[in-house]
Amino acid sequence: YMAVVGKMPEQITPKDWEAPPVTVDET
């Protein structure tokens, strides 16, 4: 990951949520 992407992914918190959780009913 570090060799290809170059940095670690970031972890989000609830304040970063932009949408309700994904459910199988919405597809």
PDB file of all heavy atoms in Angstrom:
ATOM      1  N   TYR A   1       0.825  -1.203   0.000  1.00  0.00           N
ATOM      2  CA  TYR A   1       0.000   0.000   0.000  1.00  0.00           C
ATOM      3  C   TYR A   1       0.864   1.261   0.000  1.00  0.00           C
ATOM      4  O   TYR A   1       0.624   2.200  -0.752  1.00  0.00           O
ATOM      5  CB  TYR A   1      -0.947  -0.012   1.206  1.00  0.00           C
ATOM      6  CG  TYR A   1      -2.154   0.881   1.027  1.00  0.00           C
ATOM      7  CD1 TYR A   1      -3.306   0.396   0.439  1.00  0.00           C
ATOM      8  CD2 TYR A   1      -2.139   2.212   1.441  1.00  0.00           C
ATOM      9  CE1 TYR A   1      -4.416   1.206   0.268  1.00  0.00           C
ATOM     10  CE2 TYR A   1      -3.237   3.029   1.276  1.00  0.00           C
ATOM     11  CZ  TYR A   1      -4.380   2.520   0.685  1.00  0.00           C
ATOM     12  OH  TYR A   1      -5.463   3.322   0.508  1.00  0.00           O
ATOM     13  N   MET A   2       1.891   1.266   0.843  1.00  0.00           N
ATOM     14  CA  MET A   2       2.762   2.438   0.923  1.00  0.00           C
ATOM     15  C   MET A   2       3.558   2.623  -0.368  1.00  0.00           C
ATOM     16  O   MET A   2       3.768   3.760  -0.818  1.00  0.00           O
ATOM     17  CB  MET A   2       3.706   2.325   2.121  1.00  0.00           C
ATOM     18  CG  MET A   2       2.988   2.440   3.459  1.00  0.00           C
ATOM     19  SD  MET A   2       2.078   3.980   3.672  1.00  0.00           S
ATOM     20  CE  MET A   2       3.426   5.133   3.760  1.00  0.00           C
ATOM     21  N   ALA A   3       3.982   1.527  -0.993  1.00  0.00           N
ATOM     22  CA  ALA A   3       4.738   1.620  -2.239  1.00  0.00           C
ATOM     23  C   ALA A   3       3.874   2.105  -3.396  1.00  0.00           C
ATOM     24  O   ALA A   3       4.316   2.882  -4.236  1.00  0.00           O
ATOM     25  CB  ALA A   3       5.361   0.260  -2.575  1.00  0.00           C
ATOM     26  N   VAL A   4       2.622   1.668  -3.440  1.00  0.00           N
ATOM     27  CA  VAL A   4       1.731   2.002  -4.557  1.00  0.00           C
ATOM     28  C   VAL A   4       0.961   3.296  -4.312  1.00  0.00           C
ATOM     29  O   VAL A   4       0.898   4.173  -5.175  1.00  0.00           O
ATOM     30  CB  VAL A   4       0.766   0.830  -4.852  1.00  0.00           C
ATOM     31  CG1 VAL A   4      -0.262   1.212  -5.898  1.00  0.00           C
ATOM     32  CG2 VAL A   4       1.558  -0.399  -5.281  1.00  0.00           C
ATOM     33  N   VAL A   5       0.369   3.430  -3.127  1.00  0.00           N
ATOM     34  CA  VAL A   5      -0.467   4.597  -2.821  1.00  0.00           C
ATOM     35  C   VAL A   5       0.373   5.738  -2.245  1.00  0.00           C
ATOM     36  O   VAL A   5       0.118   6.906  -2.528  1.00  0.00           O
ATOM     37  CB  VAL A   5      -1.621   4.201  -1.861  1.00  0.00           C
ATOM     38  CG1 VAL A   5      -2.478   5.403  -1.502  1.00  0.00           C
ATOM     39  CG2 VAL A   5      -2.469   3.103  -2.482  1.00  0.00           C
ATOM     40  N   GLY A   6       1.341   5.390  -1.416  1.00  0.00           N
ATOM     41  CA  GLY A   6       2.245   6.404  -0.891  1.00  0.00           C
ATOM     42  C   GLY A   6       1.914   6.956   0.477  1.00  0.00           C
ATOM     43  O   GLY A   6       2.726   7.642   1.082  1.00  0.00           O
ATOM     44  N   LYS A   7       0.707   6.685   0.959  1.00  0.00           N
ATOM     45  CA  LYS A   7       0.331   7.138   2.305  1.00  0.00           C
ATOM     46  C   LYS A   7      -0.754   6.223   2.840  1.00  0.00           C
ATOM     47  O   LYS A   7      -1.487   5.593   2.084  1.00  0.00           O
ATOM     48  CB  LYS A   7      -0.142   8.587   2.306  1.00  0.00           C
ATOM     49  CG  LYS A   7      -1.417   8.829   1.521  1.00  0.00           C
ATOM     50  CD  LYS A   7      -1.866  10.278   1.610  1.00  0.00           C
ATOM     51  CE  LYS A   7      -3.215  10.417   0.913  1.00  0.00           C
ATOM     52  NZ  LYS A   7      -3.853  11.661   1.192  1.00  0.00           N
ATOM     53  N   MET A   8      -0.846   6.181   4.153  1.00  0.00           N
ATOM     54  CA  MET A   8      -1.863   5.346   4.806  1.00  0.00           C
ATOM     55  C   MET A   8      -3.245   5.969   4.591  1.00  0.00           C
ATOM     56  O   MET A   8      -3.374   7.202   4.541  1.00  0.00           O
ATOM     57  CB  MET A   8      -1.580   5.239   6.304  1.00  0.00           C
ATOM     58  CG  MET A   8      -0.287   4.526   6.645  1.00  0.00           C
ATOM     59  SD  MET A   8      -0.338   2.769   6.303  1.00  0.00           S
ATOM     60  CE  MET A   8      -1.205   2.187   7.769  1.00  0.00           C
ATOM     61  N   PRO A   9      -4.294   5.131   4.490  1.00  0.00           N
ATOM     62  CA  PRO A   9      -5.647   5.675   4.385  1.00  0.00           C
ATOM     63  C   PRO A   9      -6.049   6.344   5.695  1.00  0.00           C
ATOM     64  O   PRO A   9      -5.505   6.042   6.752  1.00  0.00           O
ATOM     65  CB  PRO A   9      -6.516   4.441   4.112  1.00  0.00           C
ATOM     66  CG  PRO A   9      -5.726   3.289   4.610  1.00  0.00           C
ATOM     67  CD  PRO A   9      -4.287   3.665   4.490  1.00  0.00           C
ATOM     68  N   GLU A  10      -6.972   7.271   5.607  1.00  0.00           N
ATOM     69  CA  GLU A  10      -7.440   7.970   6.801  1.00  0.00           C
ATOM     70  C   GLU A  10      -8.669   7.289   7.376  1.00  0.00           C
ATOM     71  O   GLU A  10      -9.477   6.726   6.649  1.00  0.00           O
ATOM     72  CB  GLU A  10      -7.769   9.422   6.465  1.00  0.00           C
ATOM     73  CG  GLU A  10      -6.537  10.222   6.076  1.00  0.00           C
ATOM     74  CD  GLU A  10      -6.851  11.685   5.848  1.00  0.00           C
ATOM     75  OE1 GLU A  10      -7.855  12.187   6.385  1.00  0.00           O
ATOM     76  OE2 GLU A  10      -6.074  12.317   5.128  1.00  0.00           O
ATOM     77  N   GLN A  11      -8.801   7.367   8.684  1.00  0.00           N
ATOM     78  CA  GLN A  11      -9.977   6.840   9.369  1.00  0.00           C
ATOM     79  C   GLN A  11     -10.919   8.006   9.636  1.00  0.00           C
ATOM     80  O   GLN A  11     -10.495   9.057  10.112  1.00  0.00           O
ATOM     81  CB  GLN A  11      -9.578   6.176  10.683  1.00  0.00           C
ATOM     82  CG  GLN A  11     -10.748   5.560  11.417  1.00  0.00           C
ATOM     83  CD  GLN A  11     -10.317   4.787  12.661  1.00  0.00           C
ATOM     84  OE1 GLN A  11      -9.146   4.764  13.021  1.00  0.00           O
ATOM     85  NE2 GLN A  11     -11.267   4.145  13.300  1.00  0.00           N
ATOM     86  N   ILE A  12     -12.208   7.822   9.310  1.00  0.00           N
ATOM     87  CA  ILE A  12     -13.193   8.874   9.536  1.00  0.00           C
ATOM     88  C   ILE A  12     -13.888   8.669  10.880  1.00  0.00           C
ATOM     89  O   ILE A  12     -13.767   7.620  11.501  1.00  0.00           O
ATOM     90  CB  ILE A  12     -14.230   8.951   8.396  1.00  0.00           C
ATOM     91  CG1 ILE A  12     -15.073   7.664   8.329  1.00  0.00           C
ATOM     92  CG2 ILE A  12     -13.553   9.252   7.066  1.00  0.00           C
ATOM     93  CD1 ILE A  12     -16.286   7.763   7.435  1.00  0.00           C
ATOM     94  N   THR A  13     -14.616   9.682  11.292  1.00  0.00           N
ATOM     95  CA  THR A  13     -15.416   9.636  12.513  1.00  0.00           C
ATOM     96  C   THR A  13     -16.852   9.998  12.142  1.00  0.00           C
ATOM     97  O   THR A  13     -17.108  10.455  11.023  1.00  0.00           O
ATOM     98  CB  THR A  13     -14.880  10.642  13.558  1.00  0.00           C
ATOM     99  OG1 THR A  13     -15.018  11.966  13.030  1.00  0.00           O
ATOM    100  CG2 THR A  13     -13.419  10.364  13.892  1.00  0.00           C
ATOM    101  N   PRO A  14     -17.803   9.813  13.051  1.00  0.00           N
ATOM    102  CA  PRO A  14     -19.198  10.135  12.726  1.00  0.00           C
ATOM    103  C   PRO A  14     -19.407  11.553  12.183  1.00  0.00           C
ATOM    104  O   PRO A  14     -20.297  11.771  11.362  1.00  0.00           O
ATOM    105  CB  PRO A  14     -19.916   9.934  14.059  1.00  0.00           C
ATOM    106  CG  PRO A  14     -19.140   8.840  14.715  1.00  0.00           C
ATOM    107  CD  PRO A  14     -17.697   9.154  14.360  1.00  0.00           C
ATOM    108  N   LYS A  15     -18.587  12.500  12.567  1.00  0.00           N
ATOM    109  CA  LYS A  15     -18.770  13.872  12.043  1.00  0.00           C
ATOM    110  C   LYS A  15     -18.489  13.955  10.538  1.00  0.00           C
ATOM    111  O   LYS A  15     -18.898  14.905   9.879  1.00  0.00           O
ATOM    112  CB  LYS A  15     -17.911  14.866  12.804  1.00  0.00           C
ATOM    113  CG  LYS A  15     -16.427  14.729  12.598  1.00  0.00           C
ATOM    114  CD  LYS A  15     -15.671  15.808  13.358  1.00  0.00           C
ATOM    115  CE  LYS A  15     -14.182  15.668  13.223  1.00  0.00           C
ATOM    116  NZ  LYS A  15     -13.652  15.582  11.882  1.00  0.00           N
ATOM    117  N   ASP A  16     -17.809  12.934   9.993  1.00  0.00           N
ATOM    118  CA  ASP A  16     -17.468  12.912   8.571  1.00  0.00           C
ATOM    119  C   ASP A  16     -18.522  12.234   7.698  1.00  0.00           C
ATOM    120  O   ASP A  16     -18.412  12.241   6.476  1.00  0.00           O
ATOM    121  CB  ASP A  16     -16.123  12.192   8.360  1.00  0.00           C
ATOM    122  CG  ASP A  16     -14.984  12.865   9.086  1.00  0.00           C
ATOM    123  OD1 ASP A  16     -14.835  14.092   8.960  1.00  0.00           O
ATOM    124  OD2 ASP A  16     -14.236  12.153   9.797  1.00  0.00           O
ATOM    125  N   TRP A  17     -19.525  11.610   8.320  1.00  0.00           N
ATOM    126  CA  TRP A  17     -20.534  10.886   7.552  1.00  0.00           C
ATOM    127  C   TRP A  17     -21.355  11.845   6.702  1.00  0.00           C
ATOM    128  O   TRP A  17     -21.822  12.873   7.171  1.00  0.00           O
ATOM    129  CB  TRP A  17     -21.442  10.081   8.470  1.00  0.00           C
ATOM    130  CG  TRP A  17     -20.734   8.987   9.218  1.00  0.00           C
ATOM    131  CD1 TRP A  17     -19.500   8.464   8.948  1.00  0.00           C
ATOM    132  CD2 TRP A  17     -21.211   8.300  10.369  1.00  0.00           C
ATOM    133  NE1 TRP A  17     -19.191   7.484   9.856  1.00  0.00           N
ATOM    134  CE2 TRP A  17     -20.218   7.358  10.747  1.00  0.00           C
ATOM    135  CE3 TRP A  17     -22.366   8.383  11.120  1.00  0.00           C
ATOM    136  CZ2 TRP A  17     -20.365   6.511  11.828  1.00  0.00           C
ATOM    137  CZ3 TRP A  17     -22.516   7.540  12.204  1.00  0.00           C
ATOM    138  CH2 TRP A  17     -21.527   6.611  12.550  1.00  0.00           C
ATOM    139  N   GLU A  18     -21.537  11.478   5.426  1.00  0.00           N
ATOM    140  CA  GLU A  18     -22.276  12.312   4.478  1.00  0.00           C
ATOM    141  C   GLU A  18     -23.600  11.686   4.043  1.00  0.00           C
ATOM    142  O   GLU A  18     -24.377  12.334   3.351  1.00  0.00           O
ATOM    143  CB  GLU A  18     -21.419  12.533   3.223  1.00  0.00           C
ATOM    144  CG  GLU A  18     -20.071  13.136   3.514  1.00  0.00           C
ATOM    145  CD  GLU A  18     -19.141  13.057   2.323  1.00  0.00           C
ATOM    146  OE1 GLU A  18     -18.774  11.936   1.922  1.00  0.00           O
ATOM    147  OE2 GLU A  18     -18.797  14.125   1.810  1.00  0.00           O
ATOM    148  N   ALA A  19     -23.827  10.447   4.424  1.00  0.00           N
ATOM    149  CA  ALA A  19     -25.019   9.736   3.965  1.00  0.00           C
ATOM    150  C   ALA A  19     -25.414   8.681   5.001  1.00  0.00           C
ATOM    151  O   ALA A  19     -24.594   8.295   5.829  1.00  0.00           O
ATOM    152  CB  ALA A  19     -24.723   9.056   2.630  1.00  0.00           C
ATOM    153  N   PRO A  20     -26.655   8.204   4.929  1.00  0.00           N
ATOM    154  CA  PRO A  20     -27.049   7.105   5.820  1.00  0.00           C
ATOM    155  C   PRO A  20     -26.315   5.828   5.413  1.00  0.00           C
ATOM    156  O   PRO A  20     -25.775   5.739   4.313  1.00  0.00           O
ATOM    157  CB  PRO A  20     -28.554   6.981   5.585  1.00  0.00           C
ATOM    158  CG  PRO A  20     -28.799   7.586   4.257  1.00  0.00           C
ATOM    159  CD  PRO A  20     -27.750   8.632   4.068  1.00  0.00           C
ATOM    160  N   PRO A  21     -26.279   4.836   6.297  1.00  0.00           N
ATOM    161  CA  PRO A  21     -25.588   3.582   5.959  1.00  0.00           C
ATOM    162  C   PRO A  21     -26.198   2.914   4.735  1.00  0.00           C
ATOM    163  O   PRO A  21     -27.390   3.053   4.464  1.00  0.00           O
ATOM    164  CB  PRO A  21     -25.778   2.707   7.194  1.00  0.00           C
ATOM    165  CG  PRO A  21     -26.636   3.437   8.130  1.00  0.00           C
ATOM    166  CD  PRO A  21     -26.896   4.802   7.601  1.00  0.00           C
ATOM    167  N   VAL A  22     -25.372   2.208   4.011  1.00  0.00           N
ATOM    168  CA  VAL A  22     -25.832   1.469   2.832  1.00  0.00           C
ATOM    169  C   VAL A  22     -26.635   0.266   3.300  1.00  0.00           C
ATOM    170  O   VAL A  22     -26.268  -0.407   4.265  1.00  0.00           O
ATOM    171  CB  VAL A  22     -24.624   0.994   1.992  1.00  0.00           C
ATOM    172  CG1 VAL A  22     -25.078   0.102   0.850  1.00  0.00           C
ATOM    173  CG2 VAL A  22     -23.845   2.178   1.462  1.00  0.00           C
ATOM    174  N   THR A  23     -27.750   0.013   2.620  1.00  0.00           N
ATOM    175  CA  THR A  23     -28.561  -1.170   2.902  1.00  0.00           C
ATOM    176  C   THR A  23     -28.808  -1.917   1.599  1.00  0.00           C
ATOM    177  O   THR A  23     -28.768  -1.325   0.516  1.00  0.00           O
ATOM    178  CB  THR A  23     -29.925  -0.804   3.524  1.00  0.00           C
ATOM    179  OG1 THR A  23     -30.679  -0.056   2.560  1.00  0.00           O
ATOM    180  CG2 THR A  23     -29.755   0.011   4.787  1.00  0.00           C
ATOM    181  N   VAL A  24     -29.053  -3.190   1.689  1.00  0.00           N
ATOM    182  CA  VAL A  24     -29.301  -3.973   0.472  1.00  0.00           C
ATOM    183  C   VAL A  24     -30.618  -3.589  -0.187  1.00  0.00           C
ATOM    184  O   VAL A  24     -30.815  -3.836  -1.366  1.00  0.00           O
ATOM    185  CB  VAL A  24     -29.259  -5.493   0.741  1.00  0.00           C
ATOM    186  CG1 VAL A  24     -27.882  -5.925   1.162  1.00  0.00           C
ATOM    187  CG2 VAL A  24     -30.282  -5.902   1.761  1.00  0.00           C
ATOM    188  N   ASP A  25     -31.510  -2.952   0.542  1.00  0.00           N
ATOM    189  CA  ASP A  25     -32.811  -2.585  -0.010  1.00  0.00           C
ATOM    190  C   ASP A  25     -32.717  -1.464  -1.043  1.00  0.00           C
ATOM    191  O   ASP A  25     -33.640  -1.287  -1.826  1.00  0.00           O
ATOM    192  CB  ASP A  25     -33.758  -2.131   1.113  1.00  0.00           C
ATOM    193  CG  ASP A  25     -34.024  -3.240   2.119  1.00  0.00           C
ATOM    194  OD1 ASP A  25     -33.952  -4.416   1.717  1.00  0.00           O
ATOM    195  OD2 ASP A  25     -34.292  -2.936   3.279  1.00  0.00           O
ATOM    196  N   GLU A  26     -31.620  -0.719  -1.074  1.00  0.00           N
ATOM    197  CA  GLU A  26     -31.564   0.424  -1.972  1.00  0.00           C
ATOM    198  C   GLU A  26     -31.037   0.092  -3.358  1.00  0.00           C
ATOM    199  O   GLU A  26     -30.953   0.950  -4.204  1.00  0.00           O
ATOM    200  CB  GLU A  26     -30.739   1.557  -1.364  1.00  0.00           C
ATOM    201  CG  GLU A  26     -29.268   1.263  -1.179  1.00  0.00           C
ATOM    202  CD  GLU A  26     -28.545   2.387  -0.465  1.00  0.00           C
ATOM    203  OE1 GLU A  26     -28.578   2.411   0.763  1.00  0.00           O
ATOM    204  OE2 GLU A  26     -27.988   3.245  -1.155  1.00  0.00           O
ATOM    205  N   THR A  27     -30.687  -1.156  -3.620  1.00  0.00           N
ATOM    206  CA  THR A  27     -30.189  -1.493  -4.941  1.00  0.00           C
ATOM    207  C   THR A  27     -31.284  -2.111  -5.810  1.00  0.00           C
ATOM    208  O   THR A  27     -31.885  -3.093  -5.428  1.00  0.00           O
ATOM    209  CB  THR A  27     -28.964  -2.433  -4.860  1.00  0.00           C
ATOM    210  OG1 THR A  27     -28.563  -2.742  -6.189  1.00  0.00           O
ATOM    211  CG2 THR A  27     -29.229  -3.704  -4.119  1.00  0.00           C
TER     212      THR A  27
END
